Amino acid sequence: MRPLPSAEEFVAGVLANDRAMLARAITLVESSKPEHHHLAGEVLGALMPHTGKAIRVGITGVPGVGKSTFIETLGGQLTAAEHRVAVLAVDPSSSRSGGSILGDKTRMNELARDPNAYIRPSPTSGTLGGVASRTREAMLLCEAAGYDVILIETVGVGQSELVVAGMTDTFLVLMLAGAGDELQGIKRGLMELADIVAVNKADGDNATAARRAASTYRGALRLLHPADAVWKPRVLTCSGLDGAGVSEVWEAIQAHRQALDSAGLFSERRGQQQLDWMWRMVDERLREALRTHPRVVDALDQVEAAVRSGSLPATRAANRLLTAFGI
């Protein structure tokens, strides 16, 4: 196994947009090995002054909505306009084998070959809602490498939408026309999170149905958002397959950013996201420290068995483990 580069080598490589070094740096921050945490912290700390300038877009939608096709088309349009695009495609891990299920580079063939694009599938390893636990750090590394548009694709299941919305500037929800998706989207609460809704696959015989679905979503959004809101979520139709309407989606993303800037909310939103992420990391590290503490490890099997059998209430079990931890 190759020795790890030093923090200085990682920083220099990322800033030079050395793609191999960027990939190794992302692997470093994704590592769960305690011995990698300090080095990852050094690298991120040194690169922080070079982050924060990119447009961060979260993209979600139910499986089959065409996220990857849409992202490939949007990404191609952006690189043609001289943007540099990084795609962090959260890849669900198999609960049985632990391996990744999707292969995002194979689903975005053209974009993967584009020298101004970088695609990174991130296995979730069972983290909340299908969002890789280090997606935010990967985003910062890509920004430091000079990518000015970051697209984060979620698996579209569980609570990943909440997590991604909490780390991006604009949250884009892709929807399908028909098959009850209009009501499903409203029930899942996506409409409350969405800054932009785009009804995808609005091509061919499906174009009319897509326009009807968009009208339904506009009606729902008028009920969900106050009339005096700084930004009223937009509903558009598009086709990732033939590119129709995709440029309009990008224009809406830029308009959303401008609206937040004009109201003085953009910096406030970014700052709150950083605080939220700090506490998420604190919670994660505390949980890890508790589960690996020797006294907790000694008591864990017995406590879990007692809770499972019903002989020990969960509240008392939690207190016992926390006491073993020293709290």
C-alpha atoms as a PDB file:
ATOM      1  CA  MET A   1       0.000   0.000   0.000  1.00  0.00           C
ATOM      2  CA  ARG A   2       1.295   3.443  -0.923  1.00  0.00           C
ATOM      3  CA  PRO A   3       2.188   5.680   2.024  1.00  0.00           C
ATOM      4  CA  LEU A   4      -0.176   8.555   2.650  1.00  0.00           C
ATOM      5  CA  PRO A   5       0.973  11.938   1.379  1.00  0.00           C
ATOM      6  CA  SER A   6       1.677  14.624   3.955  1.00  0.00           C
ATOM      7  CA  ALA A   7      -0.887  17.330   4.672  1.00  0.00           C
ATOM      8  CA  GLU A   8       1.217  19.753   2.613  1.00  0.00           C
ATOM      9  CA  GLU A   9       1.289  17.346  -0.353  1.00  0.00           C
ATOM     10  CA  PHE A  10      -2.475  16.850  -0.168  1.00  0.00           C
ATOM     11  CA  VAL A  11      -3.093  20.610  -0.054  1.00  0.00           C
ATOM     12  CA  ALA A  12      -0.735  21.365  -2.942  1.00  0.00           C
ATOM     13  CA  GLY A  13      -2.227  18.588  -5.065  1.00  0.00           C
ATOM     14  CA  VAL A  14      -5.822  19.646  -4.485  1.00  0.00           C
ATOM     15  CA  LEU A  15      -5.087  23.313  -5.197  1.00  0.00           C
ATOM     16  CA  ALA A  16      -3.340  22.285  -8.422  1.00  0.00           C
ATOM     17  CA  ASN A  17      -6.439  20.266  -9.384  1.00  0.00           C
ATOM     18  CA  ASP A  18      -4.445  17.057  -9.490  1.00  0.00           C
ATOM     19  CA  ARG A  19      -7.411  14.716  -9.991  1.00  0.00           C
ATOM     20  CA  ALA A  20      -5.595  11.716  -8.514  1.00  0.00           C
ATOM     21  CA  MET A  21      -4.681  13.701  -5.406  1.00  0.00           C
ATOM     22  CA  LEU A  22      -8.227  15.079  -5.129  1.00  0.00           C
ATOM     23  CA  ALA A  23      -9.569  11.525  -5.234  1.00  0.00           C
ATOM     24  CA  ARG A  24      -7.111  10.451  -2.523  1.00  0.00           C
ATOM     25  CA  ALA A  25      -8.025  13.471  -0.393  1.00  0.00           C
ATOM     26  CA  ILE A  26     -11.732  12.609  -0.621  1.00  0.00           C
ATOM     27  CA  THR A  27     -10.936   9.018   0.301  1.00  0.00           C
ATOM     28  CA  LEU A  28      -8.996  10.353   3.300  1.00  0.00           C
ATOM     29  CA  VAL A  29     -11.874  12.463   4.624  1.00  0.00           C
ATOM     30  CA  GLU A  30     -14.311   9.594   4.020  1.00  0.00           C
ATOM     31  CA  SER A  31     -12.132   7.202   6.043  1.00  0.00           C
ATOM     32  CA  SER A  32     -13.545   5.918   9.315  1.00  0.00           C
ATOM     33  CA  LYS A  33     -10.071   5.052  10.632  1.00  0.00           C
ATOM     34  CA  PRO A  34      -9.258   7.160  13.712  1.00  0.00           C
ATOM     35  CA  GLU A  35      -5.625   7.520  12.596  1.00  0.00           C
ATOM     36  CA  HIS A  36      -6.823   9.375   9.470  1.00  0.00           C
ATOM     37  CA  HIS A  37      -8.997  11.906  11.300  1.00  0.00           C
ATOM     38  CA  HIS A  38      -6.159  14.214  12.353  1.00  0.00           C
ATOM     39  CA  LEU A  39      -4.582  14.336   8.892  1.00  0.00           C
ATOM     40  CA  ALA A  40      -7.967  14.927   7.274  1.00  0.00           C
ATOM     41  CA  GLY A  41      -8.568  17.794   9.700  1.00  0.00           C
ATOM     42  CA  GLU A  42      -5.215  19.360   8.824  1.00  0.00           C
ATOM     43  CA  VAL A  43      -5.907  19.138   5.105  1.00  0.00           C
ATOM     44  CA  LEU A  44      -9.405  20.596   5.385  1.00  0.00           C
ATOM     45  CA  GLY A  45      -8.219  23.351   7.702  1.00  0.00           C
ATOM     46  CA  ALA A  46      -5.528  24.439   5.262  1.00  0.00           C
ATOM     47  CA  LEU A  47      -7.944  24.372   2.315  1.00  0.00           C
ATOM     48  CA  MET A  48     -10.856  26.216   3.962  1.00  0.00           C
ATOM     49  CA  PRO A  49      -9.738  29.676   2.725  1.00  0.00           C
ATOM     50  CA  HIS A  50     -10.062  28.328  -0.825  1.00  0.00           C
ATOM     51  CA  THR A  51     -13.647  27.104  -0.401  1.00  0.00           C
ATOM     52  CA  GLY A  52     -17.101  28.676  -0.409  1.00  0.00           C
ATOM     53  CA  LYS A  53     -17.106  30.247  -3.874  1.00  0.00           C
ATOM     54  CA  ALA A  54     -19.029  27.522  -5.713  1.00  0.00           C
ATOM     55  CA  ILE A  55     -22.748  27.286  -6.373  1.00  0.00           C
ATOM     56  CA  ARG A  56     -23.991  24.270  -4.409  1.00  0.00           C
ATOM     57  CA  VAL A  57     -27.046  22.488  -5.763  1.00  0.00           C
ATOM     58  CA  GLY A  58     -28.798  19.501  -4.236  1.00  0.00           C
ATOM     59  CA  ILE A  59     -30.754  17.350  -6.670  1.00  0.00           C
ATOM     60  CA  THR A  60     -33.225  14.695  -5.626  1.00  0.00           C
ATOM     61  CA  GLY A  61     -36.164  12.750  -6.956  1.00  0.00           C
ATOM     62  CA  VAL A  62     -37.683   9.306  -6.797  1.00  0.00           C
ATOM     63  CA  PRO A  63     -35.774   6.430  -8.459  1.00  0.00           C
ATOM     64  CA  GLY A  64     -36.470   6.455 -12.175  1.00  0.00           C
ATOM     65  CA  VAL A  65     -37.060  10.196 -12.414  1.00  0.00           C
ATOM     66  CA  GLY A  66     -33.960  10.581 -14.574  1.00  0.00           C
ATOM     67  CA  LYS A  67     -31.562  12.323 -12.183  1.00  0.00           C
ATOM     68  CA  SER A  68     -28.382  11.059 -13.811  1.00  0.00           C
ATOM     69  CA  THR A  69     -29.514  11.895 -17.348  1.00  0.00           C
ATOM     70  CA  PHE A  70     -30.575  15.357 -16.205  1.00  0.00           C
ATOM     71  CA  ILE A  71     -27.277  15.931 -14.389  1.00  0.00           C
ATOM     72  CA  GLU A  72     -25.244  14.794 -17.387  1.00  0.00           C
ATOM     73  CA  THR A  73     -27.132  17.198 -19.662  1.00  0.00           C
ATOM     74  CA  LEU A  74     -26.934  20.106 -17.208  1.00  0.00           C
ATOM     75  CA  GLY A  75     -23.270  19.396 -16.518  1.00  0.00           C
ATOM     76  CA  GLY A  76     -22.477  19.349 -20.219  1.00  0.00           C
ATOM     77  CA  GLN A  77     -24.208  22.680 -20.753  1.00  0.00           C
ATOM     78  CA  LEU A  78     -22.298  24.195 -17.836  1.00  0.00           C
ATOM     79  CA  THR A  79     -18.862  22.988 -18.938  1.00  0.00           C
ATOM     80  CA  ALA A  80     -19.625  24.265 -22.451  1.00  0.00           C
ATOM     81  CA  ALA A  81     -20.182  27.657 -20.784  1.00  0.00           C
ATOM     82  CA  GLU A  82     -16.721  27.353 -19.151  1.00  0.00           C
ATOM     83  CA  HIS A  83     -17.898  26.284 -15.722  1.00  0.00           C
ATOM     84  CA  ARG A  84     -16.068  23.520 -13.883  1.00  0.00           C
ATOM     85  CA  VAL A  85     -18.546  21.030 -12.462  1.00  0.00           C
ATOM     86  CA  ALA A  86     -18.166  18.472  -9.692  1.00  0.00           C
ATOM     87  CA  VAL A  87     -20.857  15.838  -9.216  1.00  0.00           C
ATOM     88  CA  LEU A  88     -21.047  14.096  -5.859  1.00  0.00           C
ATOM     89  CA  ALA A  89     -23.403  11.240  -6.574  1.00  0.00           C
ATOM     90  CA  VAL A  90     -24.348   9.563  -3.320  1.00  0.00           C
ATOM     91  CA  ASP A  91     -24.184   5.836  -4.022  1.00  0.00           C
ATOM     92  CA  PRO A  92     -26.254   3.534  -1.786  1.00  0.00           C
ATOM     93  CA  SER A  93     -24.295   0.697  -0.194  1.00  0.00           C
ATOM     94  CA  SER A  94     -25.674  -2.800  -0.218  1.00  0.00           C
ATOM     95  CA  SER A  95     -26.937  -3.790   3.218  1.00  0.00           C
ATOM     96  CA  ARG A  96     -25.714  -7.346   2.617  1.00  0.00           C
ATOM     97  CA  SER A  97     -22.348  -7.015   0.910  1.00  0.00           C
ATOM     98  CA  GLY A  98     -21.446  -3.459   1.901  1.00  0.00           C
ATOM     99  CA  GLY A  99     -20.636  -2.759  -1.744  1.00  0.00           C
ATOM    100  CA  SER A 100     -21.999   0.074  -3.795  1.00  0.00           C
ATOM    101  CA  ILE A 101     -25.064  -0.547  -5.914  1.00  0.00           C
ATOM    102  CA  LEU A 102     -24.853   2.216  -8.508  1.00  0.00           C
ATOM    103  CA  GLY A 103     -22.022   3.129 -10.833  1.00  0.00           C
ATOM    104  CA  ASP A 104     -22.459   6.826 -11.512  1.00  0.00           C
ATOM    105  CA  LYS A 105     -19.549   7.139 -13.914  1.00  0.00           C
ATOM    106  CA  THR A 106     -21.138   4.483 -16.097  1.00  0.00           C
ATOM    107  CA  ARG A 107     -24.471   6.342 -15.940  1.00  0.00           C
ATOM    108  CA  MET A 108     -22.882   9.657 -17.006  1.00  0.00           C
ATOM    109  CA  ASN A 109     -20.560   8.547 -19.790  1.00  0.00           C
ATOM    110  CA  GLU A 110     -20.187  11.861 -21.592  1.00  0.00           C
ATOM    111  CA  LEU A 111     -19.731  13.946 -18.458  1.00  0.00           C
ATOM    112  CA  ALA A 112     -17.203  11.469 -17.047  1.00  0.00           C
ATOM    113  CA  ARG A 113     -14.981  12.101 -20.079  1.00  0.00           C
ATOM    114  CA  ASP A 114     -15.283  15.888 -19.838  1.00  0.00           C
ATOM    115  CA  PRO A 115     -11.980  17.386 -18.592  1.00  0.00           C
ATOM    116  CA  ASN A 116     -13.918  20.181 -16.836  1.00  0.00           C
ATOM    117  CA  ALA A 117     -16.105  17.789 -14.867  1.00  0.00           C
ATOM    118  CA  TYR A 118     -15.358  15.529 -11.933  1.00  0.00           C
ATOM    119  CA  ILE A 119     -17.704  12.748 -10.816  1.00  0.00           C
ATOM    120  CA  ARG A 120     -17.328  11.100  -7.444  1.00  0.00           C
ATOM    121  CA  PRO A 121     -19.691   8.325  -6.316  1.00  0.00           C
ATOM    122  CA  SER A 122     -19.756   8.289  -2.510  1.00  0.00           C
ATOM    123  CA  PRO A 123     -20.900   5.051  -0.824  1.00  0.00           C
ATOM    124  CA  THR A 124     -23.298   5.813   2.000  1.00  0.00           C
ATOM    125  CA  SER A 125     -22.142   3.019   4.322  1.00  0.00           C
ATOM    126  CA  GLY A 126     -25.489   3.125   6.068  1.00  0.00           C
ATOM    127  CA  THR A 127     -25.432   6.786   7.057  1.00  0.00           C
ATOM    128  CA  LEU A 128     -28.574   8.855   7.571  1.00  0.00           C
ATOM    129  CA  GLY A 129     -31.023   8.774   4.730  1.00  0.00           C
ATOM    130  CA  GLY A 130     -28.522   7.586   2.145  1.00  0.00           C
ATOM    131  CA  VAL A 131     -26.220  10.605   2.403  1.00  0.00           C
ATOM    132  CA  ALA A 132     -22.531   9.829   2.714  1.00  0.00           C
ATOM    133  CA  SER A 133     -21.254  11.024   6.074  1.00  0.00           C
ATOM    134  CA  ARG A 134     -18.436  13.006   4.453  1.00  0.00           C
ATOM    135  CA  THR A 135     -20.266  14.457   1.459  1.00  0.00           C
ATOM    136  CA  ARG A 136     -19.841  17.972   2.813  1.00  0.00           C
ATOM    137  CA  GLU A 137     -16.080  17.551   3.205  1.00  0.00           C
ATOM    138  CA  ALA A 138     -15.863  16.156  -0.333  1.00  0.00           C
ATOM    139  CA  MET A 139     -17.742  19.230  -1.528  1.00  0.00           C
ATOM    140  CA  LEU A 140     -15.220  21.530   0.165  1.00  0.00           C
ATOM    141  CA  LEU A 141     -12.303  19.665  -1.399  1.00  0.00           C
ATOM    142  CA  CYS A 142     -13.856  20.020  -4.858  1.00  0.00           C
ATOM    143  CA  GLU A 143     -14.340  23.744  -4.287  1.00  0.00           C
ATOM    144  CA  ALA A 144     -10.687  24.088  -3.264  1.00  0.00           C
ATOM    145  CA  ALA A 145      -9.722  22.289  -6.489  1.00  0.00           C
ATOM    146  CA  GLY A 146     -11.468  25.029  -8.460  1.00  0.00           C
ATOM    147  CA  TYR A 147     -14.859  23.531  -9.274  1.00  0.00           C
ATOM    148  CA  ASP A 148     -17.356  26.391  -9.283  1.00  0.00           C
ATOM    149  CA  VAL A 149     -20.562  24.343  -9.505  1.00  0.00           C
ATOM    150  CA  ILE A 150     -21.150  21.417  -7.131  1.00  0.00           C
ATOM    151  CA  LEU A 151     -24.084  19.111  -7.868  1.00  0.00           C
ATOM    152  CA  ILE A 152     -25.043  16.669  -5.118  1.00  0.00           C
ATOM    153  CA  GLU A 153     -27.325  13.863  -6.271  1.00  0.00           C
ATOM    154  CA  THR A 154     -29.210  11.953  -3.600  1.00  0.00           C
ATOM    155  CA  VAL A 155     -30.704   8.492  -3.901  1.00  0.00           C
ATOM    156  CA  GLY A 156     -34.169   9.989  -3.448  1.00  0.00           C
ATOM    157  CA  VAL A 157     -35.169   7.803  -0.536  1.00  0.00           C
ATOM    158  CA  GLY A 158     -35.446   8.141   3.236  1.00  0.00           C
ATOM    159  CA  GLN A 159     -34.458  11.462   4.773  1.00  0.00           C
ATOM    160  CA  SER A 160     -31.529  12.211   2.486  1.00  0.00           C
ATOM    161  CA  GLU A 161     -33.426  15.222   1.174  1.00  0.00           C
ATOM    162  CA  LEU A 162     -33.274  16.943   4.573  1.00  0.00           C
ATOM    163  CA  VAL A 163     -29.534  16.406   4.884  1.00  0.00           C
ATOM    164  CA  VAL A 164     -28.689  17.557   1.364  1.00  0.00           C
ATOM    165  CA  ALA A 165     -30.966  20.597   1.627  1.00  0.00           C
ATOM    166  CA  GLY A 166     -28.966  21.494   4.733  1.00  0.00           C
ATOM    167  CA  MET A 167     -25.647  21.613   2.895  1.00  0.00           C
ATOM    168  CA  THR A 168     -26.564  23.260  -0.407  1.00  0.00           C
ATOM    169  CA  ASP A 169     -27.647  26.693  -1.617  1.00  0.00           C
ATOM    170  CA  THR A 170     -30.460  25.554  -3.889  1.00  0.00           C
ATOM    171  CA  PHE A 171     -32.505  22.383  -3.558  1.00  0.00           C
ATOM    172  CA  LEU A 172     -33.894  21.071  -6.841  1.00  0.00           C
ATOM    173  CA  VAL A 173     -36.584  18.391  -6.844  1.00  0.00           C
ATOM    174  CA  LEU A 174     -37.143  16.428 -10.032  1.00  0.00           C
ATOM    175  CA  MET A 175     -40.623  14.990 -10.495  1.00  0.00           C
ATOM    176  CA  LEU A 176     -42.425  12.796 -13.002  1.00  0.00           C
ATOM    177  CA  ALA A 177     -45.836  13.358 -14.511  1.00  0.00           C
ATOM    178  CA  GLY A 178     -48.529  10.774 -13.791  1.00  0.00           C
ATOM    179  CA  ALA A 179     -48.472   7.593 -11.711  1.00  0.00           C
ATOM    180  CA  GLY A 180     -49.625   9.533  -8.645  1.00  0.00           C
ATOM    181  CA  ASP A 181     -46.279  11.285  -8.284  1.00  0.00           C
ATOM    182  CA  GLU A 182     -47.900  14.688  -7.826  1.00  0.00           C
ATOM    183  CA  LEU A 183     -49.602  13.571  -4.616  1.00  0.00           C
ATOM    184  CA  GLN A 184     -46.648  11.449  -3.546  1.00  0.00           C
ATOM    185  CA  GLY A 185     -44.352  14.429  -3.748  1.00  0.00           C
ATOM    186  CA  ILE A 186     -46.666  16.533  -1.624  1.00  0.00           C
ATOM    187  CA  LYS A 187     -47.052  13.803   0.987  1.00  0.00           C
ATOM    188  CA  ARG A 188     -43.308  13.262   1.306  1.00  0.00           C
ATOM    189  CA  GLY A 189     -42.776  16.892   2.150  1.00  0.00           C
ATOM    190  CA  LEU A 190     -40.477  17.503  -0.806  1.00  0.00           C
ATOM    191  CA  MET A 191     -42.495  20.538  -1.780  1.00  0.00           C
ATOM    192  CA  GLU A 192     -41.655  22.240   1.505  1.00  0.00           C
ATOM    193  CA  LEU A 193     -37.930  21.714   0.916  1.00  0.00           C
ATOM    194  CA  ALA A 194     -37.861  22.544  -2.780  1.00  0.00           C
ATOM    195  CA  ASP A 195     -36.481  25.827  -4.042  1.00  0.00           C
ATOM    196  CA  ILE A 196     -37.165  24.648  -7.584  1.00  0.00           C
ATOM    197  CA  VAL A 197     -39.364  21.838  -8.893  1.00  0.00           C
ATOM    198  CA  ALA A 198     -38.682  20.493 -12.378  1.00  0.00           C
ATOM    199  CA  VAL A 199     -40.988  17.980 -14.009  1.00  0.00           C
ATOM    200  CA  ASN A 200     -38.526  15.855 -15.983  1.00  0.00           C
ATOM    201  CA  LYS A 201     -39.049  13.707 -19.084  1.00  0.00           C
ATOM    202  CA  ALA A 202     -41.226  16.441 -20.609  1.00  0.00           C
ATOM    203  CA  ASP A 203     -40.650  15.169 -24.127  1.00  0.00           C
ATOM    204  CA  GLY A 204     -42.613  13.397 -26.839  1.00  0.00           C
ATOM    205  CA  ASP A 205     -46.048  12.179 -25.843  1.00  0.00           C
ATOM    206  CA  ASN A 206     -45.295  13.018 -22.211  1.00  0.00           C
ATOM    207  CA  ALA A 207     -44.900  16.773 -22.751  1.00  0.00           C
ATOM    208  CA  THR A 208     -48.585  17.587 -22.225  1.00  0.00           C
ATOM    209  CA  ALA A 209     -48.801  15.481 -19.064  1.00  0.00           C
ATOM    210  CA  ALA A 210     -45.670  17.188 -17.739  1.00  0.00           C
ATOM    211  CA  ARG A 211     -47.243  20.622 -18.209  1.00  0.00           C
ATOM    212  CA  ARG A 212     -50.362  19.486 -16.347  1.00  0.00           C
ATOM    213  CA  ALA A 213     -48.238  18.123 -13.511  1.00  0.00           C
ATOM    214  CA  ALA A 214     -46.319  21.406 -13.318  1.00  0.00           C
ATOM    215  CA  SER A 215     -49.613  23.263 -12.943  1.00  0.00           C
ATOM    216  CA  THR A 216     -50.565  20.964 -10.054  1.00  0.00           C
ATOM    217  CA  TYR A 217     -47.286  21.618  -8.298  1.00  0.00           C
ATOM    218  CA  ARG A 218     -47.631  25.390  -8.717  1.00  0.00           C
ATOM    219  CA  GLY A 219     -50.994  25.238  -7.001  1.00  0.00           C
ATOM    220  CA  ALA A 220     -49.561  23.233  -4.125  1.00  0.00           C
ATOM    221  CA  LEU A 221     -46.612  25.603  -3.691  1.00  0.00           C
ATOM    222  CA  ARG A 222     -48.907  28.624  -3.422  1.00  0.00           C
ATOM    223  CA  LEU A 223     -50.495  26.968  -0.390  1.00  0.00           C
ATOM    224  CA  LEU A 224     -47.222  25.931   1.226  1.00  0.00           C
ATOM    225  CA  HIS A 225     -45.257  29.172   1.024  1.00  0.00           C
ATOM    226  CA  PRO A 226     -46.209  32.621   2.368  1.00  0.00           C
ATOM    227  CA  ALA A 227     -47.022  35.329  -0.138  1.00  0.00           C
ATOM    228  CA  ASP A 228     -44.291  37.608   1.240  1.00  0.00           C
ATOM    229  CA  ALA A 229     -41.494  35.020   0.969  1.00  0.00           C
ATOM    230  CA  VAL A 230     -38.198  36.318  -0.442  1.00  0.00           C
ATOM    231  CA  TRP A 231     -38.202  33.446  -2.925  1.00  0.00           C
ATOM    232  CA  LYS A 232     -41.265  31.763  -4.339  1.00  0.00           C
ATOM    233  CA  PRO A 233     -40.253  28.294  -5.563  1.00  0.00           C
ATOM    234  CA  ARG A 234     -40.442  27.955  -9.314  1.00  0.00           C
ATOM    235  CA  VAL A 235     -41.960  25.015 -11.186  1.00  0.00           C
ATOM    236  CA  LEU A 236     -40.555  24.191 -14.611  1.00  0.00           C
ATOM    237  CA  THR A 237     -40.649  21.374 -17.126  1.00  0.00           C
ATOM    238  CA  CYS A 238     -37.563  19.895 -18.734  1.00  0.00           C
ATOM    239  CA  SER A 239     -36.134  16.911 -20.530  1.00  0.00           C
ATOM    240  CA  GLY A 240     -32.770  15.566 -19.513  1.00  0.00           C
ATOM    241  CA  LEU A 241     -32.896  13.380 -22.617  1.00  0.00           C
ATOM    242  CA  ASP A 242     -33.108  16.083 -25.280  1.00  0.00           C
ATOM    243  CA  GLY A 243     -32.044  19.071 -23.167  1.00  0.00           C
ATOM    244  CA  ALA A 244     -35.264  21.045 -23.514  1.00  0.00           C
ATOM    245  CA  GLY A 245     -35.830  23.339 -20.528  1.00  0.00           C
ATOM    246  CA  VAL A 246     -32.563  22.418 -18.786  1.00  0.00           C
ATOM    247  CA  SER A 247     -31.028  25.866 -19.366  1.00  0.00           C
ATOM    248  CA  GLU A 248     -34.144  27.402 -17.826  1.00  0.00           C
ATOM    249  CA  VAL A 249     -33.600  25.295 -14.720  1.00  0.00           C
ATOM    250  CA  TRP A 250     -30.053  26.676 -14.458  1.00  0.00           C
ATOM    251  CA  GLU A 251     -31.381  30.218 -14.865  1.00  0.00           C
ATOM    252  CA  ALA A 252     -33.793  29.559 -11.980  1.00  0.00           C
ATOM    253  CA  ILE A 253     -30.896  28.316  -9.821  1.00  0.00           C
ATOM    254  CA  GLN A 254     -29.012  31.539 -10.501  1.00  0.00           C
ATOM    255  CA  ALA A 255     -32.130  33.620  -9.818  1.00  0.00           C
ATOM    256  CA  HIS A 256     -32.572  31.865  -6.467  1.00  0.00           C
ATOM    257  CA  ARG A 257     -28.989  32.672  -5.496  1.00  0.00           C
ATOM    258  CA  GLN A 258     -29.483  36.318  -6.501  1.00  0.00           C
ATOM    259  CA  ALA A 259     -32.710  36.581  -4.503  1.00  0.00           C
ATOM    260  CA  LEU A 260     -31.004  35.289  -1.352  1.00  0.00           C
ATOM    261  CA  ASP A 261     -28.046  37.615  -1.895  1.00  0.00           C
ATOM    262  CA  SER A 262     -30.266  40.653  -2.397  1.00  0.00           C
ATOM    263  CA  ALA A 263     -32.150  39.925   0.824  1.00  0.00           C
ATOM    264  CA  GLY A 264     -28.921  39.356   2.771  1.00  0.00           C
ATOM    265  CA  LEU A 265     -29.878  35.756   3.452  1.00  0.00           C
ATOM    266  CA  PHE A 266     -27.213  33.908   1.504  1.00  0.00           C
ATOM    267  CA  SER A 267     -24.330  34.409   3.948  1.00  0.00           C
ATOM    268  CA  GLU A 268     -26.672  33.786   6.862  1.00  0.00           C
ATOM    269  CA  ARG A 269     -27.763  30.480   5.329  1.00  0.00           C
ATOM    270  CA  ARG A 270     -24.190  29.365   4.705  1.00  0.00           C
ATOM    271  CA  GLY A 271     -23.176  30.272   8.262  1.00  0.00           C
ATOM    272  CA  GLN A 272     -26.058  28.350   9.808  1.00  0.00           C
ATOM    273  CA  GLN A 273     -25.207  25.332   7.664  1.00  0.00           C
ATOM    274  CA  GLN A 274     -21.652  25.397   8.980  1.00  0.00           C
ATOM    275  CA  LEU A 275     -22.891  25.490  12.584  1.00  0.00           C
ATOM    276  CA  ASP A 276     -25.323  22.646  11.932  1.00  0.00           C
ATOM    277  CA  TRP A 277     -22.540  20.569  10.397  1.00  0.00           C
ATOM    278  CA  MET A 278     -20.264  21.238  13.372  1.00  0.00           C
ATOM    279  CA  TRP A 279     -22.846  19.828  15.753  1.00  0.00           C
ATOM    280  CA  ARG A 280     -23.502  16.890  13.445  1.00  0.00           C
ATOM    281  CA  MET A 281     -19.794  16.055  13.589  1.00  0.00           C
ATOM    282  CA  VAL A 282     -19.773  16.439  17.380  1.00  0.00           C
ATOM    283  CA  ASP A 283     -22.727  14.062  17.671  1.00  0.00           C
ATOM    284  CA  GLU A 284     -21.091  11.548  15.340  1.00  0.00           C
ATOM    285  CA  ARG A 285     -17.754  11.590  17.159  1.00  0.00           C
ATOM    286  CA  LEU A 286     -19.420  11.303  20.574  1.00  0.00           C
ATOM    287  CA  ARG A 287     -21.472   8.336  19.402  1.00  0.00           C
ATOM    288  CA  GLU A 288     -18.349   6.675  18.010  1.00  0.00           C
ATOM    289  CA  ALA A 289     -16.404   7.354  21.215  1.00  0.00           C
ATOM    290  CA  LEU A 290     -19.227   5.955  23.348  1.00  0.00           C
ATOM    291  CA  ARG A 291     -19.617   2.748  21.326  1.00  0.00           C
ATOM    292  CA  THR A 292     -15.876   2.040  21.427  1.00  0.00           C
ATOM    293  CA  HIS A 293     -15.288   2.921  25.094  1.00  0.00           C
ATOM    294  CA  PRO A 294     -13.949  -0.182  26.907  1.00  0.00           C
ATOM    295  CA  ARG A 295     -16.529  -0.108  29.742  1.00  0.00           C
ATOM    296  CA  VAL A 296     -19.366   0.414  27.269  1.00  0.00           C
ATOM    297  CA  VAL A 297     -18.090  -2.439  25.119  1.00  0.00           C
ATOM    298  CA  ASP A 298     -18.001  -4.717  28.181  1.00  0.00           C
ATOM    299  CA  ALA A 299     -21.603  -3.882  29.104  1.00  0.00           C
ATOM    300  CA  LEU A 300     -23.126  -3.597  25.654  1.00  0.00           C
ATOM    301  CA  ASP A 301     -24.036  -7.215  24.903  1.00  0.00           C
ATOM    302  CA  GLN A 302     -25.729  -7.708  28.255  1.00  0.00           C
ATOM    303  CA  VAL A 303     -27.600  -4.397  28.093  1.00  0.00           C
ATOM    304  CA  GLU A 304     -28.799  -4.950  24.534  1.00  0.00           C
ATOM    305  CA  ALA A 305     -29.968  -8.479  25.374  1.00  0.00           C
ATOM    306  CA  ALA A 306     -31.911  -7.166  28.381  1.00  0.00           C
ATOM    307  CA  VAL A 307     -33.576  -4.452  26.285  1.00  0.00           C
ATOM    308  CA  ARG A 308     -34.415  -6.923  23.538  1.00  0.00           C
ATOM    309  CA  SER A 309     -36.014  -9.329  26.020  1.00  0.00           C
ATOM    310  CA  GLY A 310     -38.006  -6.545  27.672  1.00  0.00           C
ATOM    311  CA  SER A 311     -36.423  -6.998  31.109  1.00  0.00           C
ATOM    312  CA  LEU A 312     -34.695  -3.598  31.006  1.00  0.00           C
ATOM    313  CA  PRO A 313     -36.440  -0.374  29.916  1.00  0.00           C
ATOM    314  CA  ALA A 314     -34.656   1.505  27.159  1.00  0.00           C
ATOM    315  CA  THR A 315     -34.344   4.620  29.339  1.00  0.00           C
ATOM    316  CA  ARG A 316     -32.532   2.776  32.102  1.00  0.00           C
ATOM    317  CA  ALA A 317     -30.382   0.965  29.540  1.00  0.00           C
ATOM    318  CA  ALA A 318     -29.320   4.267  28.022  1.00  0.00           C
ATOM    319  CA  ASN A 319     -28.472   5.643  31.472  1.00  0.00           C
ATOM    320  CA  ARG A 320     -26.394   2.543  32.219  1.00  0.00           C
ATOM    321  CA  LEU A 321     -24.367   2.918  29.038  1.00  0.00           C
ATOM    322  CA  LEU A 322     -23.868   6.652  29.588  1.00  0.00           C
ATOM    323  CA  THR A 323     -22.745   6.004  33.145  1.00  0.00           C
ATOM    324  CA  ALA A 324     -20.244   3.446  31.848  1.00  0.00           C
ATOM    325  CA  PHE A 325     -19.010   6.115  29.450  1.00  0.00           C
ATOM    326  CA  GLY A 326     -18.545   8.526  32.334  1.00  0.00           C
ATOM    327  CA  ILE A 327     -21.530  10.837  31.911  1.00  0.00           C
END
